[in-house]
Amino acid sequence: MVCAMLQQSEARLQQECFMHFHNTYIYLRGLFFRIKNEDHNRVTGARNKATGVIPGVADSCLLVPGGNAVFIEFKIPGGKQSEKQANWELTVTRVGYSYYIIHTLEEFQNLCRKLLDLQ
């Protein structure tokens, strides 16, 4: 039950951040998107694995004008990465991509200003 409540709260945070981006950065719509990476049953899980789904991949990706991809994991305050998420973060940061853990809408807004308002 607690896990489902955390997921719902993280989903709500992700929704608020997506709506902020969509309404604020109209000219960049389509460059911030969710990465669908969950399984609903064994059949879907097997199909996803066979087509390249990797456990621990970030919740979202932001394609920053100029050629950078930024990966974003959403966690409610106090939420922590799983071991698979931490391993995936290491994988992408080792090859030069950025990875952020966002806990609040305000953190997301600050990140967007940092990455996008300088364009």
PDB file of N, CA and C in Angstrom:
ATOM      1  N   MET A   1       0.828  -1.200   0.000  1.00  0.00           N
ATOM      2  CA  MET A   1       0.000   0.000   0.000  1.00  0.00           C
ATOM      3  C   MET A   1       0.867   1.257   0.000  1.00  0.00           C
ATOM      4  N   VAL A   2       1.901   1.288   0.823  1.00  0.00           N
ATOM      5  CA  VAL A   2       2.775   2.456   0.886  1.00  0.00           C
ATOM      6  C   VAL A   2       3.448   2.678  -0.459  1.00  0.00           C
ATOM      7  N   CYS A   3       3.921   1.602  -1.096  1.00  0.00           N
ATOM      8  CA  CYS A   3       4.580   1.708  -2.401  1.00  0.00           C
ATOM      9  C   CYS A   3       3.628   2.328  -3.426  1.00  0.00           C
ATOM     10  N   ALA A   4       2.383   1.905  -3.451  1.00  0.00           N
ATOM     11  CA  ALA A   4       1.408   2.463  -4.381  1.00  0.00           C
ATOM     12  C   ALA A   4       1.174   3.947  -4.106  1.00  0.00           C
ATOM     13  N   MET A   5       1.172   4.330  -2.825  1.00  0.00           N
ATOM     14  CA  MET A   5       0.983   5.742  -2.483  1.00  0.00           C
ATOM     15  C   MET A   5       2.168   6.567  -2.943  1.00  0.00           C
ATOM     16  N   LEU A   6       3.386   6.042  -2.797  1.00  0.00           N
ATOM     17  CA  LEU A   6       4.570   6.756  -3.257  1.00  0.00           C
ATOM     18  C   LEU A   6       4.538   6.922  -4.764  1.00  0.00           C
ATOM     19  N   GLN A   7       4.175   5.865  -5.476  1.00  0.00           N
ATOM     20  CA  GLN A   7       4.102   5.937  -6.933  1.00  0.00           C
ATOM     21  C   GLN A   7       3.081   6.973  -7.369  1.00  0.00           C
ATOM     22  N   GLN A   8       1.939   7.014  -6.704  1.00  0.00           N
ATOM     23  CA  GLN A   8       0.906   7.968  -7.051  1.00  0.00           C
ATOM     24  C   GLN A   8       1.406   9.393  -6.822  1.00  0.00           C
ATOM     25  N   SER A   9       2.108   9.625  -5.719  1.00  0.00           N
ATOM     26  CA  SER A   9       2.633  10.952  -5.439  1.00  0.00           C
ATOM     27  C   SER A   9       3.725  11.339  -6.426  1.00  0.00           C
ATOM     28  N   GLU A  10       4.575  10.377  -6.784  1.00  0.00           N
ATOM     29  CA  GLU A  10       5.608  10.651  -7.781  1.00  0.00           C
ATOM     30  C   GLU A  10       4.981  10.914  -9.142  1.00  0.00           C
ATOM     31  N   ALA A  11       3.930  10.188  -9.460  1.00  0.00           N
ATOM     32  CA  ALA A  11       3.225  10.423 -10.720  1.00  0.00           C
ATOM     33  C   ALA A  11       2.610  11.814 -10.736  1.00  0.00           C
ATOM     34  N   ARG A  12       2.084  12.237  -9.612  1.00  0.00           N
ATOM     35  CA  ARG A  12       1.500  13.580  -9.513  1.00  0.00           C
ATOM     36  C   ARG A  12       2.566  14.650  -9.704  1.00  0.00           C
ATOM     37  N   LEU A  13       3.731  14.465  -9.078  1.00  0.00           N
ATOM     38  CA  LEU A  13       4.841  15.396  -9.249  1.00  0.00           C
ATOM     39  C   LEU A  13       5.269  15.443 -10.709  1.00  0.00           C
ATOM     40  N   GLN A  14       5.387  14.294 -11.321  1.00  0.00           N
ATOM     41  CA  GLN A  14       5.784  14.247 -12.730  1.00  0.00           C
ATOM     42  C   GLN A  14       4.751  14.961 -13.602  1.00  0.00           C
ATOM     43  N   GLN A  15       3.489  14.775 -13.309  1.00  0.00           N
ATOM     44  CA  GLN A  15       2.424  15.436 -14.063  1.00  0.00           C
ATOM     45  C   GLN A  15       2.519  16.953 -13.903  1.00  0.00           C
ATOM     46  N   GLU A  16       2.727  17.435 -12.702  1.00  0.00           N
ATOM     47  CA  GLU A  16       2.846  18.882 -12.470  1.00  0.00           C
ATOM     48  C   GLU A  16       4.044  19.455 -13.232  1.00  0.00           C
ATOM     49  N   CYS A  17       5.148  18.732 -13.234  1.00  0.00           N
ATOM     50  CA  CYS A  17       6.347  19.207 -13.937  1.00  0.00           C
ATOM     51  C   CYS A  17       6.121  19.205 -15.440  1.00  0.00           C
ATOM     52  N   PHE A  18       5.474  18.166 -15.950  1.00  0.00           N
ATOM     53  CA  PHE A  18       5.196  18.124 -17.389  1.00  0.00           C
ATOM     54  C   PHE A  18       4.298  19.294 -17.788  1.00  0.00           C
ATOM     55  N   MET A  19       3.264  19.549 -17.015  1.00  0.00           N
ATOM     56  CA  MET A  19       2.350  20.647 -17.351  1.00  0.00           C
ATOM     57  C   MET A  19       3.069  21.995 -17.289  1.00  0.00           C
ATOM     58  N   HIS A  20       3.938  22.172 -16.306  1.00  0.00           N
ATOM     59  CA  HIS A  20       4.729  23.401 -16.229  1.00  0.00           C
ATOM     60  C   HIS A  20       5.560  23.567 -17.500  1.00  0.00           C
ATOM     61  N   PHE A  21       6.255  22.520 -17.884  1.00  0.00           N
ATOM     62  CA  PHE A  21       7.094  22.592 -19.081  1.00  0.00           C
ATOM     63  C   PHE A  21       6.238  22.883 -20.315  1.00  0.00           C
ATOM     64  N   HIS A  22       5.161  22.156 -20.458  1.00  0.00           N
ATOM     65  CA  HIS A  22       4.273  22.288 -21.619  1.00  0.00           C
ATOM     66  C   HIS A  22       3.718  23.709 -21.748  1.00  0.00           C
ATOM     67  N   ASN A  23       3.367  24.316 -20.626  1.00  0.00           N
ATOM     68  CA  ASN A  23       2.772  25.651 -20.652  1.00  0.00           C
ATOM     69  C   ASN A  23       3.797  26.783 -20.666  1.00  0.00           C
ATOM     70  N   THR A  24       4.997  26.523 -20.180  1.00  0.00           N
ATOM     71  CA  THR A  24       6.019  27.565 -20.089  1.00  0.00           C
ATOM     72  C   THR A  24       6.922  27.593 -21.313  1.00  0.00           C
ATOM     73  N   TYR A  25       7.287  26.437 -21.803  1.00  0.00           N
ATOM     74  CA  TYR A  25       8.238  26.329 -22.923  1.00  0.00           C
ATOM     75  C   TYR A  25       7.505  25.819 -24.158  1.00  0.00           C
ATOM     76  N   ILE A  26       6.543  26.599 -24.602  1.00  0.00           N
ATOM     77  CA  ILE A  26       5.684  26.219 -25.715  1.00  0.00           C
ATOM     78  C   ILE A  26       6.503  25.875 -26.955  1.00  0.00           C
ATOM     79  N   TYR A  27       7.540  26.629 -27.203  1.00  0.00           N
ATOM     80  CA  TYR A  27       8.378  26.433 -28.390  1.00  0.00           C
ATOM     81  C   TYR A  27       9.244  25.170 -28.297  1.00  0.00           C
ATOM     82  N   LEU A  28       9.245  24.511 -27.143  1.00  0.00           N
ATOM     83  CA  LEU A  28      10.036  23.291 -26.961  1.00  0.00           C
ATOM     84  C   LEU A  28       9.162  22.055 -26.709  1.00  0.00           C
ATOM     85  N   ARG A  29       7.864  22.193 -26.944  1.00  0.00           N
ATOM     86  CA  ARG A  29       6.967  21.058 -26.722  1.00  0.00           C
ATOM     87  C   ARG A  29       7.453  19.853 -27.528  1.00  0.00           C
ATOM     88  N   GLY A  30       7.393  18.716 -26.895  1.00  0.00           N
ATOM     89  CA  GLY A  30       7.843  17.477 -27.515  1.00  0.00           C
ATOM     90  C   GLY A  30       9.267  17.096 -27.145  1.00  0.00           C
ATOM     91  N   LEU A  31       9.997  18.027 -26.516  1.00  0.00           N
ATOM     92  CA  LEU A  31      11.379  17.740 -26.146  1.00  0.00           C
ATOM     93  C   LEU A  31      11.527  17.247 -24.703  1.00  0.00           C
ATOM     94  N   PHE A  32      10.449  17.303 -23.931  1.00  0.00           N
ATOM     95  CA  PHE A  32      10.444  16.744 -22.579  1.00  0.00           C
ATOM     96  C   PHE A  32       9.378  15.662 -22.570  1.00  0.00           C
ATOM     97  N   PHE A  33       9.783  14.438 -22.271  1.00  0.00           N
ATOM     98  CA  PHE A  33       8.847  13.334 -22.376  1.00  0.00           C
ATOM     99  C   PHE A  33       9.127  12.262 -21.337  1.00  0.00           C
ATOM    100  N   ARG A  34       8.100  11.511 -21.066  1.00  0.00           N
ATOM    101  CA  ARG A  34       8.163  10.391 -20.126  1.00  0.00           C
ATOM    102  C   ARG A  34       8.735   9.174 -20.841  1.00  0.00           C
ATOM    103  N   ILE A  35       9.529   8.414 -20.118  1.00  0.00           N
ATOM    104  CA  ILE A  35      10.044   7.150 -20.632  1.00  0.00           C
ATOM    105  C   ILE A  35       9.225   6.040 -19.991  1.00  0.00           C
ATOM    106  N   LYS A  36       8.416   5.385 -20.789  1.00  0.00           N
ATOM    107  CA  LYS A  36       7.550   4.328 -20.261  1.00  0.00           C
ATOM    108  C   LYS A  36       8.387   3.081 -20.037  1.00  0.00           C
ATOM    109  N   ASN A  37       8.488   2.670 -18.788  1.00  0.00           N
ATOM    110  CA  ASN A  37       9.435   1.613 -18.465  1.00  0.00           C
ATOM    111  C   ASN A  37       8.911   0.657 -17.394  1.00  0.00           C
ATOM    112  N   GLU A  38       7.596   0.525 -17.309  1.00  0.00           N
ATOM    113  CA  GLU A  38       7.073  -0.380 -16.295  1.00  0.00           C
ATOM    114  C   GLU A  38       6.339  -1.543 -16.954  1.00  0.00           C
ATOM    115  N   ASP A  39       6.257  -2.629 -16.226  1.00  0.00           N
ATOM    116  CA  ASP A  39       5.566  -3.820 -16.707  1.00  0.00           C
ATOM    117  C   ASP A  39       4.265  -3.988 -15.932  1.00  0.00           C
ATOM    118  N   HIS A  40       3.252  -4.457 -16.635  1.00  0.00           N
ATOM    119  CA  HIS A  40       1.981  -4.693 -15.970  1.00  0.00           C
ATOM    120  C   HIS A  40       1.735  -6.179 -15.716  1.00  0.00           C
ATOM    121  N   ASN A  41       2.458  -7.018 -16.447  1.00  0.00           N
ATOM    122  CA  ASN A  41       2.341  -8.460 -16.253  1.00  0.00           C
ATOM    123  C   ASN A  41       3.559  -9.141 -16.861  1.00  0.00           C
ATOM    124  N   ARG A  42       3.649 -10.455 -16.724  1.00  0.00           N
ATOM    125  CA  ARG A  42       4.831 -11.186 -17.200  1.00  0.00           C
ATOM    126  C   ARG A  42       4.979 -11.125 -18.710  1.00  0.00           C
ATOM    127  N   VAL A  43       3.872 -11.198 -19.436  1.00  0.00           N
ATOM    128  CA  VAL A  43       3.945 -11.165 -20.900  1.00  0.00           C
ATOM    129  C   VAL A  43       4.490  -9.822 -21.361  1.00  0.00           C
ATOM    130  N   THR A  44       3.933  -8.746 -20.831  1.00  0.00           N
ATOM    131  CA  THR A  44       4.421  -7.412 -21.178  1.00  0.00           C
ATOM    132  C   THR A  44       5.874  -7.250 -20.768  1.00  0.00           C
ATOM    133  N   GLY A  45       6.215  -7.742 -19.586  1.00  0.00           N
ATOM    134  CA  GLY A  45       7.589  -7.655 -19.111  1.00  0.00           C
ATOM    135  C   GLY A  45       8.562  -8.361 -20.036  1.00  0.00           C
ATOM    136  N   ALA A  46       8.210  -9.555 -20.478  1.00  0.00           N
ATOM    137  CA  ALA A  46       9.078 -10.313 -21.391  1.00  0.00           C
ATOM    138  C   ALA A  46       9.210  -9.588 -22.727  1.00  0.00           C
ATOM    139  N   ARG A  47       8.109  -9.065 -23.230  1.00  0.00           N
ATOM    140  CA  ARG A  47       8.141  -8.322 -24.504  1.00  0.00           C
ATOM    141  C   ARG A  47       8.986  -7.060 -24.371  1.00  0.00           C
ATOM    142  N   ASN A  48       8.805  -6.346 -23.270  1.00  0.00           N
ATOM    143  CA  ASN A  48       9.589  -5.134 -23.050  1.00  0.00           C
ATOM    144  C   ASN A  48      11.083  -5.445 -22.984  1.00  0.00           C
ATOM    145  N   LYS A  49      11.434  -6.476 -22.254  1.00  0.00           N
ATOM    146  CA  LYS A  49      12.850  -6.865 -22.135  1.00  0.00           C
ATOM    147  C   LYS A  49      13.424  -7.223 -23.500  1.00  0.00           C
ATOM    148  N   ALA A  50      12.658  -7.943 -24.292  1.00  0.00           N
ATOM    149  CA  ALA A  50      13.121  -8.356 -25.618  1.00  0.00           C
ATOM    150  C   ALA A  50      13.261  -7.186 -26.593  1.00  0.00           C
ATOM    151  N   THR A  51      12.572  -6.098 -26.300  1.00  0.00           N
ATOM    152  CA  THR A  51      12.648  -4.935 -27.205  1.00  0.00           C
ATOM    153  C   THR A  51      13.509  -3.813 -26.653  1.00  0.00           C
ATOM    154  N   GLY A  52      14.258  -4.085 -25.567  1.00  0.00           N
ATOM    155  CA  GLY A  52      15.248  -3.127 -25.113  1.00  0.00           C
ATOM    156  C   GLY A  52      14.932  -2.328 -23.874  1.00  0.00           C
ATOM    157  N   VAL A  53      13.864  -2.645 -23.173  1.00  0.00           N
ATOM    158  CA  VAL A  53      13.580  -1.934 -21.932  1.00  0.00           C
ATOM    159  C   VAL A  53      14.655  -2.316 -20.912  1.00  0.00           C
ATOM    160  N   ILE A  54      15.212  -1.306 -20.256  1.00  0.00           N
ATOM    161  CA  ILE A  54      16.293  -1.507 -19.293  1.00  0.00           C
ATOM    162  C   ILE A  54      15.801  -1.112 -17.908  1.00  0.00           C
ATOM    163  N   PRO A  55      15.901  -2.003 -16.937  1.00  0.00           N
ATOM    164  CA  PRO A  55      15.467  -1.663 -15.576  1.00  0.00           C
ATOM    165  C   PRO A  55      16.259  -0.485 -15.018  1.00  0.00           C
ATOM    166  N   GLY A  56      15.549   0.427 -14.356  1.00  0.00           N
ATOM    167  CA  GLY A  56      16.204   1.548 -13.696  1.00  0.00           C
ATOM    168  C   GLY A  56      16.304   2.814 -14.519  1.00  0.00           C
ATOM    169  N   VAL A  57      15.891   2.773 -15.773  1.00  0.00           N
ATOM    170  CA  VAL A  57      15.965   3.965 -16.620  1.00  0.00           C
ATOM    171  C   VAL A  57      15.150   5.089 -15.985  1.00  0.00           C
ATOM    172  N   ALA A  58      15.608   6.309 -16.164  1.00  0.00           N
ATOM    173  CA  ALA A  58      14.955   7.484 -15.579  1.00  0.00           C
ATOM    174  C   ALA A  58      13.509   7.619 -16.043  1.00  0.00           C
ATOM    175  N   ASP A  59      12.750   8.375 -15.266  1.00  0.00           N
ATOM    176  CA  ASP A  59      11.335   8.591 -15.587  1.00  0.00           C
ATOM    177  C   ASP A  59      11.138   9.390 -16.864  1.00  0.00           C
ATOM    178  N   SER A  60      11.988  10.396 -17.075  1.00  0.00           N
ATOM    179  CA  SER A  60      11.789  11.328 -18.188  1.00  0.00           C
ATOM    180  C   SER A  60      13.114  11.726 -18.809  1.00  0.00           C
ATOM    181  N   CYS A  61      12.985  12.291 -19.997  1.00  0.00           N
ATOM    182  CA  CYS A  61      14.148  12.809 -20.710  1.00  0.00           C
ATOM    183  C   CYS A  61      13.806  14.202 -21.226  1.00  0.00           C
ATOM    184  N   LEU A  62      14.764  15.109 -21.112  1.00  0.00           N
ATOM    185  CA  LEU A  62      14.634  16.456 -21.673  1.00  0.00           C
ATOM    186  C   LEU A  62      15.736  16.614 -22.711  1.00  0.00           C
ATOM    187  N   LEU A  63      15.336  16.852 -23.949  1.00  0.00           N
ATOM    188  CA  LEU A  63      16.297  17.116 -25.016  1.00  0.00           C
ATOM    189  C   LEU A  63      16.532  18.619 -25.049  1.00  0.00           C
ATOM    190  N   VAL A  64      17.740  19.013 -24.687  1.00  0.00           N
ATOM    191  CA  VAL A  64      18.085  20.426 -24.579  1.00  0.00           C
ATOM    192  C   VAL A  64      18.598  20.917 -25.930  1.00  0.00           C
ATOM    193  N   PRO A  65      18.046  22.028 -26.426  1.00  0.00           N
ATOM    194  CA  PRO A  65      18.556  22.571 -27.691  1.00  0.00           C
ATOM    195  C   PRO A  65      20.071  22.733 -27.640  1.00  0.00           C
ATOM    196  N   GLY A  66      20.726  22.309 -28.678  1.00  0.00           N
ATOM    197  CA  GLY A  66      22.177  22.345 -28.725  1.00  0.00           C
ATOM    198  C   GLY A  66      22.793  20.956 -28.649  1.00  0.00           C
ATOM    199  N   GLY A  67      21.975  19.944 -28.377  1.00  0.00           N
ATOM    200  CA  GLY A  67      22.466  18.585 -28.476  1.00  0.00           C
ATOM    201  C   GLY A  67      22.690  17.811 -27.202  1.00  0.00           C
ATOM    202  N   ASN A  68      22.135  18.227 -26.080  1.00  0.00           N
ATOM    203  CA  ASN A  68      22.317  17.464 -24.850  1.00  0.00           C
ATOM    204  C   ASN A  68      21.003  16.796 -24.454  1.00  0.00           C
ATOM    205  N   ALA A  69      21.122  15.613 -23.884  1.00  0.00           N
ATOM    206  CA  ALA A  69      19.965  14.926 -23.312  1.00  0.00           C
ATOM    207  C   ALA A  69      20.144  14.897 -21.805  1.00  0.00           C
ATOM    208  N   VAL A  70      19.094  15.255 -21.091  1.00  0.00           N
ATOM    209  CA  VAL A  70      19.102  15.282 -19.640  1.00  0.00           C
ATOM    210  C   VAL A  70      18.064  14.277 -19.162  1.00  0.00           C
ATOM    211  N   PHE A  71      18.479  13.405 -18.258  1.00  0.00           N
ATOM    212  CA  PHE A  71      17.574  12.405 -17.724  1.00  0.00           C
ATOM    213  C   PHE A  71      17.115  12.833 -16.339  1.00  0.00           C
ATOM    214  N   ILE A  72      15.815  12.657 -16.077  1.00  0.00           N
ATOM    215  CA  ILE A  72      15.217  13.138 -14.835  1.00  0.00           C
ATOM    216  C   ILE A  72      14.453  12.010 -14.158  1.00  0.00           C
ATOM    217  N   GLU A  73      14.778  11.800 -12.899  1.00  0.00           N
ATOM    218  CA  GLU A  73      14.066  10.840 -12.057  1.00  0.00           C
ATOM    219  C   GLU A  73      13.257  11.643 -11.044  1.00  0.00           C
ATOM    220  N   PHE A  74      11.986  11.325 -10.902  1.00  0.00           N
ATOM    221  CA  PHE A  74      11.119  12.011  -9.953  1.00  0.00           C
ATOM    222  C   PHE A  74      10.980  11.191  -8.685  1.00  0.00           C
ATOM    223  N   LYS A  75      11.194  11.841  -7.557  1.00  0.00           N
ATOM    224  CA  LYS A  75      11.024  11.214  -6.249  1.00  0.00           C
ATOM    225  C   LYS A  75      10.338  12.210  -5.331  1.00  0.00           C
ATOM    226  N   ILE A  76       9.420  11.723  -4.530  1.00  0.00           N
ATOM    227  CA  ILE A  76       8.823  12.612  -3.539  1.00  0.00           C
ATOM    228  C   ILE A  76       9.890  12.912  -2.494  1.00  0.00           C
ATOM    229  N   PRO A  77       9.750  14.018  -1.749  1.00  0.00           N
ATOM    230  CA  PRO A  77      10.733  14.308  -0.702  1.00  0.00           C
ATOM    231  C   PRO A  77      10.929  13.097   0.207  1.00  0.00           C
ATOM    232  N   GLY A  78      12.177  12.737   0.398  1.00  0.00           N
ATOM    233  CA  GLY A  78      12.504  11.560   1.199  1.00  0.00           C
ATOM    234  C   GLY A  78      12.600  10.279   0.393  1.00  0.00           C
ATOM    235  N   GLY A  79      12.107  10.299  -0.856  1.00  0.00           N
ATOM    236  CA  GLY A  79      12.182   9.114  -1.711  1.00  0.00           C
ATOM    237  C   GLY A  79      13.607   8.858  -2.169  1.00  0.00           C
ATOM    238  N   LYS A  80      13.951   7.607  -2.346  1.00  0.00           N
ATOM    239  CA  LYS A  80      15.311   7.239  -2.724  1.00  0.00           C
ATOM    240  C   LYS A  80      15.299   6.382  -3.989  1.00  0.00           C
ATOM    241  N   GLN A  81      16.399   6.459  -4.712  1.00  0.00           N
ATOM    242  CA  GLN A  81      16.572   5.627  -5.899  1.00  0.00           C
ATOM    243  C   GLN A  81      16.685   4.156  -5.505  1.00  0.00           C
ATOM    244  N   SER A  82      16.227   3.310  -6.409  1.00  0.00           N
ATOM    245  CA  SER A  82      16.499   1.887  -6.255  1.00  0.00           C
ATOM    246  C   SER A  82      17.936   1.624  -6.702  1.00  0.00           C
ATOM    247  N   GLU A  83      18.431   0.449  -6.404  1.00  0.00           N
ATOM    248  CA  GLU A  83      19.782   0.091  -6.836  1.00  0.00           C
ATOM    249  C   GLU A  83      19.890   0.128  -8.369  1.00  0.00           C
ATOM    250  N   LYS A  84      18.858  -0.352  -9.056  1.00  0.00           N
ATOM    251  CA  LYS A  84      18.881  -0.339 -10.526  1.00  0.00           C
ATOM    252  C   LYS A  84      18.892   1.088 -11.066  1.00  0.00           C
ATOM    253  N   GLN A  85      18.164   1.987 -10.423  1.00  0.00           N
ATOM    254  CA  GLN A  85      18.160   3.389 -10.850  1.00  0.00           C
ATOM    255  C   GLN A  85      19.529   4.018 -10.644  1.00  0.00           C
ATOM    256  N   ALA A  86      20.144   3.749  -9.508  1.00  0.00           N
ATOM    257  CA  ALA A  86      21.477   4.297  -9.234  1.00  0.00           C
ATOM    258  C   ALA A  86      22.502   3.757 -10.228  1.00  0.00           C
ATOM    259  N   ASN A  87      22.405   2.489 -10.578  1.00  0.00           N
ATOM    260  CA  ASN A  87      23.318   1.913 -11.562  1.00  0.00           C
ATOM    261  C   ASN A  87      23.127   2.547 -12.929  1.00  0.00           C
ATOM    262  N   TRP A  88      21.869   2.790 -13.303  1.00  0.00           N
ATOM    263  CA  TRP A  88      21.610   3.408 -14.611  1.00  0.00           C
ATOM    264  C   TRP A  88      22.124   4.850 -14.629  1.00  0.00           C
ATOM    265  N   GLU A  89      21.961   5.551 -13.512  1.00  0.00           N
ATOM    266  CA  GLU A  89      22.509   6.907 -13.416  1.00  0.00           C
ATOM    267  C   GLU A  89      24.025   6.879 -13.681  1.00  0.00           C
ATOM    268  N   LEU A  90      24.720   5.957 -13.071  1.00  0.00           N
ATOM    269  CA  LEU A  90      26.169   5.840 -13.294  1.00  0.00           C
ATOM    270  C   LEU A  90      26.480   5.554 -14.760  1.00  0.00           C
ATOM    271  N   THR A  91      25.699   4.700 -15.373  1.00  0.00           N
ATOM    272  CA  THR A  91      25.915   4.345 -16.777  1.00  0.00           C
ATOM    273  C   THR A  91      25.844   5.576 -17.671  1.00  0.00           C
ATOM    274  N   VAL A  92      24.822   6.412 -17.484  1.00  0.00           N
ATOM    275  CA  VAL A  92      24.653   7.558 -18.387  1.00  0.00           C
ATOM    276  C   VAL A  92      25.573   8.725 -18.043  1.00  0.00           C
ATOM    277  N   THR A  93      25.870   8.909 -16.760  1.00  0.00           N
ATOM    278  CA  THR A  93      26.753  10.027 -16.408  1.00  0.00           C
ATOM    279  C   THR A  93      28.201   9.729 -16.791  1.00  0.00           C
ATOM    280  N   ARG A  94      28.584   8.471 -16.793  1.00  0.00           N
ATOM    281  CA  ARG A  94      29.949   8.104 -17.204  1.00  0.00           C
ATOM    282  C   ARG A  94      30.234   8.460 -18.660  1.00  0.00           C
ATOM    283  N   VAL A  95      29.200   8.511 -19.491  1.00  0.00           N
ATOM    284  CA  VAL A  95      29.409   8.839 -20.903  1.00  0.00           C
ATOM    285  C   VAL A  95      28.992  10.276 -21.226  1.00  0.00           C
ATOM    286  N   GLY A  96      28.783  11.080 -20.186  1.00  0.00           N
ATOM    287  CA  GLY A  96      28.618  12.508 -20.381  1.00  0.00           C
ATOM    288  C   GLY A  96      27.225  13.087 -20.341  1.00  0.00           C
ATOM    289  N   TYR A  97      26.216  12.263 -20.072  1.00  0.00           N
ATOM    290  CA  TYR A  97      24.861  12.812 -19.983  1.00  0.00           C
ATOM    291  C   TYR A  97      24.587  13.308 -18.564  1.00  0.00           C
ATOM    292  N   SER A  98      23.630  14.216 -18.454  1.00  0.00           N
ATOM    293  CA  SER A  98      23.234  14.746 -17.156  1.00  0.00           C
ATOM    294  C   SER A  98      22.052  13.954 -16.606  1.00  0.00           C
ATOM    295  N   TYR A  99      22.009  13.831 -15.287  1.00  0.00           N
ATOM    296  CA  TYR A  99      20.963  13.082 -14.605  1.00  0.00           C
ATOM    297  C   TYR A  99      20.597  13.853 -13.351  1.00  0.00           C
ATOM    298  N   TYR A 100      19.323  14.097 -13.169  1.00  0.00           N
ATOM    299  CA  TYR A 100      18.855  14.854 -12.008  1.00  0.00           C
ATOM    300  C   TYR A 100      17.747  14.081 -11.307  1.00  0.00           C
ATOM    301  N   ILE A 101      17.737  14.190 -10.005  1.00  0.00           N
ATOM    302  CA  ILE A 101      16.622  13.683  -9.214  1.00  0.00           C
ATOM    303  C   ILE A 101      15.838  14.901  -8.748  1.00  0.00           C
ATOM    304  N   ILE A 102      14.580  14.933  -9.100  1.00  0.00           N
ATOM    305  CA  ILE A 102      13.704  16.062  -8.797  1.00  0.00           C
ATOM    306  C   ILE A 102      12.696  15.636  -7.731  1.00  0.00           C
ATOM    307  N   HIS A 103      12.605  16.462  -6.665  1.00  0.00           N
ATOM    308  CA  HIS A 103      11.696  16.162  -5.551  1.00  0.00           C
ATOM    309  C   HIS A 103      10.493  17.098  -5.493  1.00  0.00           C
ATOM    310  N   THR A 104      10.596  18.259  -6.123  1.00  0.00           N
ATOM    311  CA  THR A 104       9.508  19.245  -6.051  1.00  0.00           C
ATOM    312  C   THR A 104       9.361  19.958  -7.391  1.00  0.00           C
ATOM    313  N   LEU A 105       8.208  20.559  -7.587  1.00  0.00           N
ATOM    314  CA  LEU A 105       7.988  21.369  -8.780  1.00  0.00           C
ATOM    315  C   LEU A 105       8.996  22.514  -8.839  1.00  0.00           C
ATOM    316  N   GLU A 106       9.288  23.119  -7.701  1.00  0.00           N
ATOM    317  CA  GLU A 106      10.236  24.225  -7.659  1.00  0.00           C
ATOM    318  C   GLU A 106      11.631  23.789  -8.141  1.00  0.00           C
ATOM    319  N   GLU A 107      12.067  22.613  -7.730  1.00  0.00           N
ATOM    320  CA  GLU A 107      13.361  22.099  -8.215  1.00  0.00           C
ATOM    321  C   GLU A 107      13.341  21.955  -9.734  1.00  0.00           C
ATOM    322  N   PHE A 108      12.238  21.444 -10.269  1.00  0.00           N
ATOM    323  CA  PHE A 108      12.114  21.277 -11.713  1.00  0.00           C
ATOM    324  C   PHE A 108      12.128  22.635 -12.421  1.00  0.00           C
ATOM    325  N   GLN A 109      11.404  23.601 -11.882  1.00  0.00           N
ATOM    326  CA  GLN A 109      11.392  24.939 -12.479  1.00  0.00           C
ATOM    327  C   GLN A 109      12.792  25.537 -12.494  1.00  0.00           C
ATOM    328  N   ASN A 110      13.533  25.380 -11.399  1.00  0.00           N
ATOM    329  CA  ASN A 110      14.909  25.890 -11.337  1.00  0.00           C
ATOM    330  C   ASN A 110      15.802  25.195 -12.355  1.00  0.00           C
ATOM    331  N   LEU A 111      15.637  23.891 -12.505  1.00  0.00           N
ATOM    332  CA  LEU A 111      16.419  23.151 -13.499  1.00  0.00           C
ATOM    333  C   LEU A 111      16.112  23.645 -14.908  1.00  0.00           C
ATOM    334  N   CYS A 112      14.847  23.845 -15.203  1.00  0.00           N
ATOM    335  CA  CYS A 112      14.465  24.347 -16.539  1.00  0.00           C
ATOM    336  C   CYS A 112      15.065  25.726 -16.793  1.00  0.00           C
ATOM    337  N   ARG A 113      15.009  26.598 -15.801  1.00  0.00           N
ATOM    338  CA  ARG A 113      15.607  27.925 -15.969  1.00  0.00           C
ATOM    339  C   ARG A 113      17.101  27.807 -16.246  1.00  0.00           C
ATOM    340  N   LYS A 114      17.759  26.959 -15.489  1.00  0.00           N
ATOM    341  CA  LYS A 114      19.193  26.757 -15.645  1.00  0.00           C
ATOM    342  C   LYS A 114      19.540  26.236 -17.048  1.00  0.00           C
ATOM    343  N   LEU A 115      18.766  25.276 -17.531  1.00  0.00           N
ATOM    344  CA  LEU A 115      19.088  24.635 -18.801  1.00  0.00           C
ATOM    345  C   LEU A 115      18.535  25.341 -20.032  1.00  0.00           C
ATOM    346  N   LEU A 116      17.399  26.015 -19.883  1.00  0.00           N
ATOM    347  CA  LEU A 116      16.665  26.494 -21.057  1.00  0.00           C
ATOM    348  C   LEU A 116      16.575  27.996 -21.198  1.00  0.00           C
ATOM    349  N   ASP A 117      16.560  28.724 -20.117  1.00  0.00           N
ATOM    350  CA  ASP A 117      16.364  30.163 -20.229  1.00  0.00           C
ATOM    351  C   ASP A 117      17.600  30.875 -20.732  1.00  0.00           C
ATOM    352  N   LEU A 118      18.702  30.166 -20.840  1.00  0.00           N
ATOM    353  CA  LEU A 118      19.927  30.769 -21.364  1.00  0.00           C
ATOM    354  C   LEU A 118      19.983  30.659 -22.888  1.00  0.00           C
ATOM    355  N   GLN A 119      19.038  29.962 -23.472  1.00  0.00           N
ATOM    356  CA  GLN A 119      19.037  29.737 -24.926  1.00  0.00           C
ATOM    357  C   GLN A 119      18.737  31.015 -25.687  1.00  0.00           C
TER     358      GLN A 119
END
